[in-house]
PDB file of N, CA and C in Angstrom:
ATOM      1  N   MET A   1      10.533  -1.304  10.777  1.00  0.00           N
ATOM      2  CA  MET A   1      10.338  -0.105  11.573  1.00  0.00           C
ATOM      3  C   MET A   1       9.340   0.795  10.862  1.00  0.00           C
ATOM      4  N   PRO A   2       8.286   1.211  11.546  1.00  0.00           N
ATOM      5  CA  PRO A   2       7.291   2.087  10.901  1.00  0.00           C
ATOM      6  C   PRO A   2       7.872   3.453  10.601  1.00  0.00           C
ATOM      7  N   ARG A   3       7.373   4.000   9.502  1.00  0.00           N
ATOM      8  CA  ARG A   3       7.821   5.346   9.129  1.00  0.00           C
ATOM      9  C   ARG A   3       7.180   6.356  10.051  1.00  0.00           C
ATOM     10  N   ARG A   4       7.937   7.342  10.392  1.00  0.00           N
ATOM     11  CA  ARG A   4       7.435   8.422  11.248  1.00  0.00           C
ATOM     12  C   ARG A   4       6.797   9.487  10.367  1.00  0.00           C
ATOM     13  N   GLU A   5       5.593   9.854  10.683  1.00  0.00           N
ATOM     14  CA  GLU A   5       4.885  10.900   9.945  1.00  0.00           C
ATOM     15  C   GLU A   5       5.342  12.263  10.446  1.00  0.00           C
ATOM     16  N   LEU A   6       5.760  13.116   9.533  1.00  0.00           N
ATOM     17  CA  LEU A   6       6.204  14.449   9.913  1.00  0.00           C
ATOM     18  C   LEU A   6       5.040  15.407  10.101  1.00  0.00           C
ATOM     19  N   PHE A   7       3.972  15.181   9.346  1.00  0.00           N
ATOM     20  CA  PHE A   7       2.816  16.075   9.394  1.00  0.00           C
ATOM     21  C   PHE A   7       1.562  15.278   9.720  1.00  0.00           C
ATOM     22  N   THR A   8       0.657  15.927  10.393  1.00  0.00           N
ATOM     23  CA  THR A   8      -0.653  15.326  10.586  1.00  0.00           C
ATOM     24  C   THR A   8      -1.396  15.439   9.256  1.00  0.00           C
ATOM     25  N   PRO A   9      -2.470  14.681   9.064  1.00  0.00           N
ATOM     26  CA  PRO A   9      -3.232  14.826   7.817  1.00  0.00           C
ATOM     27  C   PRO A   9      -3.713  16.267   7.576  1.00  0.00           C
ATOM     28  N   GLU A  10      -4.097  16.953   8.639  1.00  0.00           N
ATOM     29  CA  GLU A  10      -4.547  18.345   8.508  1.00  0.00           C
ATOM     30  C   GLU A  10      -3.403  19.262   8.081  1.00  0.00           C
ATOM     31  N   GLU A  11      -2.221  19.049   8.653  1.00  0.00           N
ATOM     32  CA  GLU A  11      -1.051  19.870   8.283  1.00  0.00           C
ATOM     33  C   GLU A  11      -0.648  19.610   6.839  1.00  0.00           C
ATOM     34  N   ARG A  12      -0.687  18.347   6.426  1.00  0.00           N
ATOM     35  CA  ARG A  12      -0.329  18.004   5.045  1.00  0.00           C
ATOM     36  C   ARG A  12      -1.316  18.639   4.067  1.00  0.00           C
ATOM     37  N   ALA A  13      -2.604  18.594   4.391  1.00  0.00           N
ATOM     38  CA  ALA A  13      -3.621  19.201   3.527  1.00  0.00           C
ATOM     39  C   ALA A  13      -3.405  20.702   3.413  1.00  0.00           C
ATOM     40  N   ALA A  14      -3.087  21.346   4.521  1.00  0.00           N
ATOM     41  CA  ALA A  14      -2.843  22.797   4.500  1.00  0.00           C
ATOM     42  C   ALA A  14      -1.594  23.129   3.687  1.00  0.00           C
ATOM     43  N   LEU A  15      -0.581  22.304   3.788  1.00  0.00           N
ATOM     44  CA  LEU A  15       0.670  22.539   3.064  1.00  0.00           C
ATOM     45  C   LEU A  15       0.481  22.413   1.557  1.00  0.00           C
ATOM     46  N   LEU A  16      -0.343  21.468   1.139  1.00  0.00           N
ATOM     47  CA  LEU A  16      -0.526  21.200  -0.288  1.00  0.00           C
ATOM     48  C   LEU A  16      -1.708  21.938  -0.901  1.00  0.00           C
ATOM     49  N   ALA A  17      -2.410  22.715  -0.119  1.00  0.00           N
ATOM     50  CA  ALA A  17      -3.595  23.430  -0.625  1.00  0.00           C
ATOM     51  C   ALA A  17      -3.198  24.653  -1.445  1.00  0.00           C
ATOM     52  N   PHE A  18      -4.026  24.965  -2.408  1.00  0.00           N
ATOM     53  CA  PHE A  18      -3.827  26.195  -3.161  1.00  0.00           C
ATOM     54  C   PHE A  18      -4.281  27.365  -2.308  1.00  0.00           C
ATOM     55  N   PRO A  19      -3.706  28.535  -2.519  1.00  0.00           N
ATOM     56  CA  PRO A  19      -4.076  29.694  -1.697  1.00  0.00           C
ATOM     57  C   PRO A  19      -5.507  30.150  -1.969  1.00  0.00           C
ATOM     58  N   ALA A  20      -6.110  30.728  -0.957  1.00  0.00           N
ATOM     59  CA  ALA A  20      -7.473  31.250  -1.086  1.00  0.00           C
ATOM     60  C   ALA A  20      -7.483  32.638  -1.724  1.00  0.00           C
ATOM     61  N   GLU A  21      -6.372  33.353  -1.629  1.00  0.00           N
ATOM     62  CA  GLU A  21      -6.294  34.706  -2.186  1.00  0.00           C
ATOM     63  C   GLU A  21      -6.238  34.630  -3.712  1.00  0.00           C
ATOM     64  N   GLU A  22      -7.129  35.360  -4.349  1.00  0.00           N
ATOM     65  CA  GLU A  22      -7.233  35.317  -5.806  1.00  0.00           C
ATOM     66  C   GLU A  22      -5.941  35.763  -6.492  1.00  0.00           C
ATOM     67  N   ALA A  23      -5.319  36.812  -5.998  1.00  0.00           N
ATOM     68  CA  ALA A  23      -4.101  37.321  -6.630  1.00  0.00           C
ATOM     69  C   ALA A  23      -2.984  36.277  -6.602  1.00  0.00           C
ATOM     70  N   GLU A  24      -2.850  35.591  -5.491  1.00  0.00           N
ATOM     71  CA  GLU A  24      -1.814  34.564  -5.382  1.00  0.00           C
ATOM     72  C   GLU A  24      -2.140  33.371  -6.276  1.00  0.00           C
ATOM     73  N   LEU A  25      -3.399  33.014  -6.353  1.00  0.00           N
ATOM     74  CA  LEU A  25      -3.804  31.905  -7.210  1.00  0.00           C
ATOM     75  C   LEU A  25      -3.566  32.243  -8.679  1.00  0.00           C
ATOM     76  N   ILE A  26      -3.866  33.463  -9.061  1.00  0.00           N
ATOM     77  CA  ILE A  26      -3.618  33.888 -10.445  1.00  0.00           C
ATOM     78  C   ILE A  26      -2.127  33.824 -10.755  1.00  0.00           C
ATOM     79  N   ARG A  27      -1.302  34.232  -9.801  1.00  0.00           N
ATOM     80  CA  ARG A  27       0.152  34.164  -9.998  1.00  0.00           C
ATOM     81  C   ARG A  27       0.602  32.722 -10.226  1.00  0.00           C
ATOM     82  N   LEU A  28       0.063  31.804  -9.446  1.00  0.00           N
ATOM     83  CA  LEU A  28       0.446  30.404  -9.573  1.00  0.00           C
ATOM     84  C   LEU A  28      -0.092  29.766 -10.854  1.00  0.00           C
ATOM     85  N   ALA A  29      -1.204  30.271 -11.358  1.00  0.00           N
ATOM     86  CA  ALA A  29      -1.835  29.687 -12.552  1.00  0.00           C
ATOM     87  C   ALA A  29      -1.421  30.381 -13.838  1.00  0.00           C
ATOM     88  N   THR A  30      -0.586  31.386 -13.762  1.00  0.00           N
ATOM     89  CA  THR A  30      -0.168  32.096 -14.963  1.00  0.00           C
ATOM     90  C   THR A  30       0.841  31.247 -15.734  1.00  0.00           C
ATOM     91  N   LEU A  31       0.554  31.040 -16.993  1.00  0.00           N
ATOM     92  CA  LEU A  31       1.421  30.245 -17.857  1.00  0.00           C
ATOM     93  C   LEU A  31       2.314  31.174 -18.683  1.00  0.00           C
ATOM     94  N   ALA A  32       3.573  30.831 -18.773  1.00  0.00           N
ATOM     95  CA  ALA A  32       4.511  31.580 -19.615  1.00  0.00           C
ATOM     96  C   ALA A  32       4.205  31.281 -21.081  1.00  0.00           C
ATOM     97  N   ARG A  33       4.745  32.084 -21.971  1.00  0.00           N
ATOM     98  CA  ARG A  33       4.512  31.861 -23.407  1.00  0.00           C
ATOM     99  C   ARG A  33       4.929  30.463 -23.830  1.00  0.00           C
ATOM    100  N   ALA A  34       6.064  30.003 -23.318  1.00  0.00           N
ATOM    101  CA  ALA A  34       6.539  28.660 -23.664  1.00  0.00           C
ATOM    102  C   ALA A  34       5.571  27.590 -23.149  1.00  0.00           C
ATOM    103  N   ASP A  35       5.000  27.822 -21.978  1.00  0.00           N
ATOM    104  CA  ASP A  35       4.010  26.886 -21.434  1.00  0.00           C
ATOM    105  C   ASP A  35       2.782  26.820 -22.327  1.00  0.00           C
ATOM    106  N   VAL A  36       2.288  27.975 -22.739  1.00  0.00           N
ATOM    107  CA  VAL A  36       1.100  28.027 -23.595  1.00  0.00           C
ATOM    108  C   VAL A  36       1.397  27.348 -24.928  1.00  0.00           C
ATOM    109  N   ALA A  37       2.587  27.574 -25.470  1.00  0.00           N
ATOM    110  CA  ALA A  37       2.963  26.921 -26.730  1.00  0.00           C
ATOM    111  C   ALA A  37       2.989  25.401 -26.560  1.00  0.00           C
ATOM    112  N   PHE A  38       3.505  24.919 -25.440  1.00  0.00           N
ATOM    113  CA  PHE A  38       3.543  23.483 -25.157  1.00  0.00           C
ATOM    114  C   PHE A  38       2.132  22.926 -25.017  1.00  0.00           C
ATOM    115  N   VAL A  39       1.294  23.621 -24.274  1.00  0.00           N
ATOM    116  CA  VAL A  39      -0.078  23.175 -24.052  1.00  0.00           C
ATOM    117  C   VAL A  39      -0.843  23.125 -25.368  1.00  0.00           C
ATOM    118  N   ARG A  40      -0.642  24.096 -26.229  1.00  0.00           N
ATOM    119  CA  ARG A  40      -1.378  24.155 -27.507  1.00  0.00           C
ATOM    120  C   ARG A  40      -0.946  23.082 -28.493  1.00  0.00           C
ATOM    121  N   GLN A  41       0.159  22.400 -28.229  1.00  0.00           N
ATOM    122  CA  GLN A  41       0.593  21.304 -29.090  1.00  0.00           C
ATOM    123  C   GLN A  41      -0.297  20.067 -28.933  1.00  0.00           C
ATOM    124  N   HIS A  42      -1.073  20.029 -27.878  1.00  0.00           N
ATOM    125  CA  HIS A  42      -1.914  18.875 -27.607  1.00  0.00           C
ATOM    126  C   HIS A  42      -3.267  19.018 -28.305  1.00  0.00           C
ATOM    127  N   ARG A  43      -3.741  17.901 -28.840  1.00  0.00           N
ATOM    128  CA  ARG A  43      -4.996  17.912 -29.588  1.00  0.00           C
ATOM    129  C   ARG A  43      -6.184  17.891 -28.644  1.00  0.00           C
ATOM    130  N   GLY A  44      -7.178  18.654 -28.949  1.00  0.00           N
ATOM    131  CA  GLY A  44      -8.431  18.654 -28.205  1.00  0.00           C
ATOM    132  C   GLY A  44      -8.408  19.593 -27.014  1.00  0.00           C
ATOM    133  N   GLU A  45      -9.533  20.244 -26.803  1.00  0.00           N
ATOM    134  CA  GLU A  45      -9.641  21.176 -25.677  1.00  0.00           C
ATOM    135  C   GLU A  45      -9.385  20.477 -24.350  1.00  0.00           C
ATOM    136  N   HIS A  46      -9.918  19.262 -24.201  1.00  0.00           N
ATOM    137  CA  HIS A  46      -9.762  18.549 -22.936  1.00  0.00           C
ATOM    138  C   HIS A  46      -8.299  18.228 -22.642  1.00  0.00           C
ATOM    139  N   ASN A  47      -7.538  17.860 -23.669  1.00  0.00           N
ATOM    140  CA  ASN A  47      -6.117  17.579 -23.460  1.00  0.00           C
ATOM    141  C   ASN A  47      -5.338  18.846 -23.131  1.00  0.00           C
ATOM    142  N   ARG A  48      -5.660  19.934 -23.794  1.00  0.00           N
ATOM    143  CA  ARG A  48      -4.952  21.191 -23.503  1.00  0.00           C
ATOM    144  C   ARG A  48      -5.212  21.634 -22.060  1.00  0.00           C
ATOM    145  N   LEU A  49      -6.468  21.570 -21.645  1.00  0.00           N
ATOM    146  CA  LEU A  49      -6.779  21.954 -20.268  1.00  0.00           C
ATOM    147  C   LEU A  49      -6.136  20.982 -19.282  1.00  0.00           C
ATOM    148  N   GLY A  50      -6.192  19.703 -19.567  1.00  0.00           N
ATOM    149  CA  GLY A  50      -5.595  18.702 -18.679  1.00  0.00           C
ATOM    150  C   GLY A  50      -4.100  18.884 -18.516  1.00  0.00           C
ATOM    151  N   VAL A  51      -3.407  19.141 -19.605  1.00  0.00           N
ATOM    152  CA  VAL A  51      -1.957  19.355 -19.534  1.00  0.00           C
ATOM    153  C   VAL A  51      -1.653  20.619 -18.738  1.00  0.00           C
ATOM    154  N   ALA A  52      -2.427  21.672 -18.944  1.00  0.00           N
ATOM    155  CA  ALA A  52      -2.210  22.919 -18.205  1.00  0.00           C
ATOM    156  C   ALA A  52      -2.423  22.711 -16.706  1.00  0.00           C
ATOM    157  N   VAL A  53      -3.453  21.976 -16.346  1.00  0.00           N
ATOM    158  CA  VAL A  53      -3.716  21.692 -14.925  1.00  0.00           C
ATOM    159  C   VAL A  53      -2.563  20.885 -14.330  1.00  0.00           C
ATOM    160  N   GLN A  54      -2.155  19.839 -15.023  1.00  0.00           N
ATOM    161  CA  GLN A  54      -1.054  19.016 -14.510  1.00  0.00           C
ATOM    162  C   GLN A  54       0.229  19.835 -14.374  1.00  0.00           C
ATOM    163  N   LEU A  55       0.484  20.702 -15.331  1.00  0.00           N
ATOM    164  CA  LEU A  55       1.666  21.558 -15.277  1.00  0.00           C
ATOM    165  C   LEU A  55       1.635  22.449 -14.038  1.00  0.00           C
ATOM    166  N   CYS A  56       0.489  23.039 -13.765  1.00  0.00           N
ATOM    167  CA  CYS A  56       0.361  23.900 -12.580  1.00  0.00           C
ATOM    168  C   CYS A  56       0.514  23.094 -11.293  1.00  0.00           C
ATOM    169  N   TYR A  57      -0.073  21.918 -11.247  1.00  0.00           N
ATOM    170  CA  TYR A  57       0.061  21.091 -10.041  1.00  0.00           C
ATOM    171  C   TYR A  57       1.503  20.642  -9.827  1.00  0.00           C
ATOM    172  N   LEU A  58       2.220  20.371 -10.890  1.00  0.00           N
ATOM    173  CA  LEU A  58       3.621  19.977 -10.731  1.00  0.00           C
ATOM    174  C   LEU A  58       4.469  21.122 -10.186  1.00  0.00           C
ATOM    175  N   ARG A  59       4.142  22.322 -10.601  1.00  0.00           N
ATOM    176  CA  ARG A  59       4.896  23.485 -10.120  1.00  0.00           C
ATOM    177  C   ARG A  59       4.516  23.861  -8.697  1.00  0.00           C
ATOM    178  N   TYR A  60       3.234  23.828  -8.424  1.00  0.00           N
ATOM    179  CA  TYR A  60       2.748  24.112  -7.081  1.00  0.00           C
ATOM    180  C   TYR A  60       1.459  23.354  -6.894  1.00  0.00           C
ATOM    181  N   PRO A  61       1.408  22.531  -5.969  1.00  0.00           N
ATOM    182  CA  PRO A  61       2.263  22.290  -4.816  1.00  0.00           C
ATOM    183  C   PRO A  61       3.358  21.256  -5.030  1.00  0.00           C
ATOM    184  N   GLY A  62       3.663  20.909  -6.269  1.00  0.00           N
ATOM    185  CA  GLY A  62       4.770  19.995  -6.539  1.00  0.00           C
ATOM    186  C   GLY A  62       4.356  18.534  -6.535  1.00  0.00           C
ATOM    187  N   ARG A  63       3.196  18.260  -7.066  1.00  0.00           N
ATOM    188  CA  ARG A  63       2.699  16.887  -7.119  1.00  0.00           C
ATOM    189  C   ARG A  63       1.756  16.749  -8.307  1.00  0.00           C
ATOM    190  N   VAL A  64       1.344  15.515  -8.568  1.00  0.00           N
ATOM    191  CA  VAL A  64       0.353  15.280  -9.626  1.00  0.00           C
ATOM    192  C   VAL A  64      -0.992  14.976  -8.980  1.00  0.00           C
ATOM    193  N   LEU A  65      -2.030  15.139  -9.735  1.00  0.00           N
ATOM    194  CA  LEU A  65      -3.360  14.783  -9.253  1.00  0.00           C
ATOM    195  C   LEU A  65      -3.485  13.266  -9.182  1.00  0.00           C
ATOM    196  N   THR A  66      -4.158  12.782  -8.172  1.00  0.00           N
ATOM    197  CA  THR A  66      -4.417  11.351  -8.083  1.00  0.00           C
ATOM    198  C   THR A  66      -5.578  11.012  -9.021  1.00  0.00           C
ATOM    199  N   PRO A  67      -5.711   9.748  -9.416  1.00  0.00           N
ATOM    200  CA  PRO A  67      -6.775   9.392 -10.372  1.00  0.00           C
ATOM    201  C   PRO A  67      -8.187   9.741  -9.912  1.00  0.00           C
ATOM    202  N   ASP A  68      -8.428   9.774  -8.634  1.00  0.00           N
ATOM    203  CA  ASP A  68      -9.782  10.071  -8.149  1.00  0.00           C
ATOM    204  C   ASP A  68      -9.950  11.517  -7.692  1.00  0.00           C
ATOM    205  N   GLU A  69      -8.987  12.355  -7.986  1.00  0.00           N
ATOM    206  CA  GLU A  69      -8.992  13.747  -7.521  1.00  0.00           C
ATOM    207  C   GLU A  69      -9.380  14.710  -8.639  1.00  0.00           C
ATOM    208  N   SER A  70     -10.135  15.717  -8.282  1.00  0.00           N
ATOM    209  CA  SER A  70     -10.481  16.788  -9.211  1.00  0.00           C
ATOM    210  C   SER A  70      -9.618  18.003  -8.910  1.00  0.00           C
ATOM    211  N   PRO A  71      -9.323  18.798  -9.925  1.00  0.00           N
ATOM    212  CA  PRO A  71      -8.515  19.995  -9.669  1.00  0.00           C
ATOM    213  C   PRO A  71      -9.273  21.020  -8.838  1.00  0.00           C
ATOM    214  N   PHE A  72      -8.519  21.879  -8.197  1.00  0.00           N
ATOM    215  CA  PHE A  72      -9.065  22.969  -7.407  1.00  0.00           C
ATOM    216  C   PHE A  72      -9.918  23.828  -8.335  1.00  0.00           C
ATOM    217  N   PRO A  73     -11.233  23.964  -8.082  1.00  0.00           N
ATOM    218  CA  PRO A  73     -12.129  24.647  -9.027  1.00  0.00           C
ATOM    219  C   PRO A  73     -11.694  26.053  -9.447  1.00  0.00           C
ATOM    220  N   PRO A  74     -11.244  26.926  -8.539  1.00  0.00           N
ATOM    221  CA  PRO A  74     -10.801  28.249  -9.008  1.00  0.00           C
ATOM    222  C   PRO A  74      -9.601  28.169  -9.968  1.00  0.00           C
ATOM    223  N   LEU A  75      -8.689  27.225  -9.717  1.00  0.00           N
ATOM    224  CA  LEU A  75      -7.547  27.034 -10.617  1.00  0.00           C
ATOM    225  C   LEU A  75      -8.026  26.571 -11.986  1.00  0.00           C
ATOM    226  N   LEU A  76      -8.941  25.620 -11.984  1.00  0.00           N
ATOM    227  CA  LEU A  76      -9.489  25.113 -13.236  1.00  0.00           C
ATOM    228  C   LEU A  76     -10.154  26.238 -14.025  1.00  0.00           C
ATOM    229  N   GLY A  77     -10.888  27.102 -13.339  1.00  0.00           N
ATOM    230  CA  GLY A  77     -11.554  28.222 -14.003  1.00  0.00           C
ATOM    231  C   GLY A  77     -10.574  29.205 -14.612  1.00  0.00           C
ATOM    232  N   ILE A  78      -9.507  29.510 -13.888  1.00  0.00           N
ATOM    233  CA  ILE A  78      -8.494  30.445 -14.396  1.00  0.00           C
ATOM    234  C   ILE A  78      -7.825  29.876 -15.643  1.00  0.00           C
ATOM    235  N   LEU A  79      -7.435  28.603 -15.578  1.00  0.00           N
ATOM    236  CA  LEU A  79      -6.757  27.988 -16.727  1.00  0.00           C
ATOM    237  C   LEU A  79      -7.700  27.842 -17.927  1.00  0.00           C
ATOM    238  N   ALA A  80      -8.942  27.478 -17.670  1.00  0.00           N
ATOM    239  CA  ALA A  80      -9.907  27.349 -18.766  1.00  0.00           C
ATOM    240  C   ALA A  80     -10.117  28.694 -19.449  1.00  0.00           C
ATOM    241  N   ALA A  81     -10.213  29.762 -18.669  1.00  0.00           N
ATOM    242  CA  ALA A  81     -10.389  31.097 -19.254  1.00  0.00           C
ATOM    243  C   ALA A  81      -9.166  31.481 -20.078  1.00  0.00           C
ATOM    244  N   ARG A  82      -7.992  31.168 -19.578  1.00  0.00           N
ATOM    245  CA  ARG A  82      -6.745  31.509 -20.294  1.00  0.00           C
ATOM    246  C   ARG A  82      -6.663  30.769 -21.627  1.00  0.00           C
ATOM    247  N   LEU A  83      -7.121  29.518 -21.617  1.00  0.00           N
ATOM    248  CA  LEU A  83      -7.053  28.701 -22.831  1.00  0.00           C
ATOM    249  C   LEU A  83      -8.296  28.809 -23.696  1.00  0.00           C
ATOM    250  N   ARG A  84      -9.278  29.589 -23.223  1.00  0.00           N
ATOM    251  CA  ARG A  84     -10.538  29.801 -23.938  1.00  0.00           C
ATOM    252  C   ARG A  84     -11.287  28.487 -24.199  1.00  0.00           C
ATOM    253  N   VAL A  85     -11.394  27.709 -23.126  1.00  0.00           N
ATOM    254  CA  VAL A  85     -12.174  26.470 -23.176  1.00  0.00           C
ATOM    255  C   VAL A  85     -13.128  26.464 -21.977  1.00  0.00           C
ATOM    256  N   ARG A  86     -14.120  25.607 -22.024  1.00  0.00           N
ATOM    257  CA  ARG A  86     -15.036  25.477 -20.902  1.00  0.00           C
ATOM    258  C   ARG A  86     -14.402  24.600 -19.825  1.00  0.00           C
ATOM    259  N   PRO A  87     -14.530  24.953 -18.546  1.00  0.00           N
ATOM    260  CA  PRO A  87     -13.979  24.102 -17.479  1.00  0.00           C
ATOM    261  C   PRO A  87     -14.540  22.681 -17.509  1.00  0.00           C
ATOM    262  N   ALA A  88     -15.743  22.515 -18.032  1.00  0.00           N
ATOM    263  CA  ALA A  88     -16.382  21.196 -18.065  1.00  0.00           C
ATOM    264  C   ALA A  88     -15.626  20.195 -18.933  1.00  0.00           C
ATOM    265  N   VAL A  89     -14.766  20.647 -19.841  1.00  0.00           N
ATOM    266  CA  VAL A  89     -14.028  19.696 -20.684  1.00  0.00           C
ATOM    267  C   VAL A  89     -13.037  18.889 -19.851  1.00  0.00           C
ATOM    268  N   TRP A  90     -12.762  19.352 -18.627  1.00  0.00           N
ATOM    269  CA  TRP A  90     -11.882  18.577 -17.737  1.00  0.00           C
ATOM    270  C   TRP A  90     -12.434  17.164 -17.544  1.00  0.00           C
ATOM    271  N   ASP A  91     -13.750  17.043 -17.462  1.00  0.00           N
ATOM    272  CA  ASP A  91     -14.352  15.738 -17.220  1.00  0.00           C
ATOM    273  C   ASP A  91     -13.979  14.722 -18.298  1.00  0.00           C
ATOM    274  N   LEU A  92     -13.878  15.154 -19.536  1.00  0.00           N
ATOM    275  CA  LEU A  92     -13.470  14.257 -20.617  1.00  0.00           C
ATOM    276  C   LEU A  92     -12.009  13.857 -20.447  1.00  0.00           C
ATOM    277  N   TYR A  93     -11.171  14.787 -20.078  1.00  0.00           N
ATOM    278  CA  TYR A  93      -9.756  14.487 -19.843  1.00  0.00           C
ATOM    279  C   TYR A  93      -9.609  13.496 -18.699  1.00  0.00           C
ATOM    280  N   ALA A  94     -10.292  13.753 -17.596  1.00  0.00           N
ATOM    281  CA  ALA A  94     -10.155  12.927 -16.401  1.00  0.00           C
ATOM    282  C   ALA A  94     -10.762  11.540 -16.575  1.00  0.00           C
ATOM    283  N   ARG A  95     -11.704  11.402 -17.479  1.00  0.00           N
ATOM    284  CA  ARG A  95     -12.385  10.126 -17.684  1.00  0.00           C
ATOM    285  C   ARG A  95     -11.504   9.134 -18.446  1.00  0.00           C
ATOM    286  N   ARG A  96     -10.629   9.633 -19.273  1.00  0.00           N
ATOM    287  CA  ARG A  96      -9.809   8.751 -20.108  1.00  0.00           C
ATOM    288  C   ARG A  96      -8.704   8.105 -19.282  1.00  0.00           C
ATOM    289  N   ASP A  97      -8.638   6.796 -19.288  1.00  0.00           N
ATOM    290  CA  ASP A  97      -7.643   6.066 -18.502  1.00  0.00           C
ATOM    291  C   ASP A  97      -6.218   6.427 -18.912  1.00  0.00           C
ATOM    292  N   GLU A  98      -6.009   6.670 -20.209  1.00  0.00           N
ATOM    293  CA  GLU A  98      -4.664   6.960 -20.702  1.00  0.00           C
ATOM    294  C   GLU A  98      -4.082   8.224 -20.077  1.00  0.00           C
ATOM    295  N   THR A  99      -4.919   9.182 -19.776  1.00  0.00           N
ATOM    296  CA  THR A  99      -4.418  10.447 -19.235  1.00  0.00           C
ATOM    297  C   THR A  99      -4.290  10.415 -17.726  1.00  0.00           C
ATOM    298  N   ARG A 100      -4.855   9.408 -17.074  1.00  0.00           N
ATOM    299  CA  ARG A 100      -4.819   9.346 -15.617  1.00  0.00           C
ATOM    300  C   ARG A 100      -3.758   8.385 -15.099  1.00  0.00           C
ATOM    301  N   ARG A 101      -3.083   7.696 -15.989  1.00  0.00           N
ATOM    302  CA  ARG A 101      -1.979   6.821 -15.581  1.00  0.00           C
ATOM    303  C   ARG A 101      -0.692   7.593 -15.653  1.00  0.00           C
ATOM    304  N   GLY A 102       0.208   7.301 -14.763  1.00  0.00           N
ATOM    305  CA  GLY A 102       1.465   8.033 -14.802  1.00  0.00           C
ATOM    306  C   GLY A 102       2.588   7.148 -14.809  1.00  0.00           C
TER     307      GLY A 102
END
């Protein structure tokens, strides 16, 4: 028996999208002290940024990034600024097979 789809692809995309409002996005991307301490335990700027991005995606919208997916650029910028790294280091994190397997 085929599975019944509850949402259309457009509805699913809207449900899982990050908000366009900057204030709401900042709220979702804000890391608690314990989160920052956990993220800083990882070696290398790319790993710290990658862990922070994955942590935010797990919290909202409650999923992980797929291997061929890039993070939402405004979210990446907010997290990179918080961690004092360049957003471009994400590319090194995403390129490594070890970090993209789950």
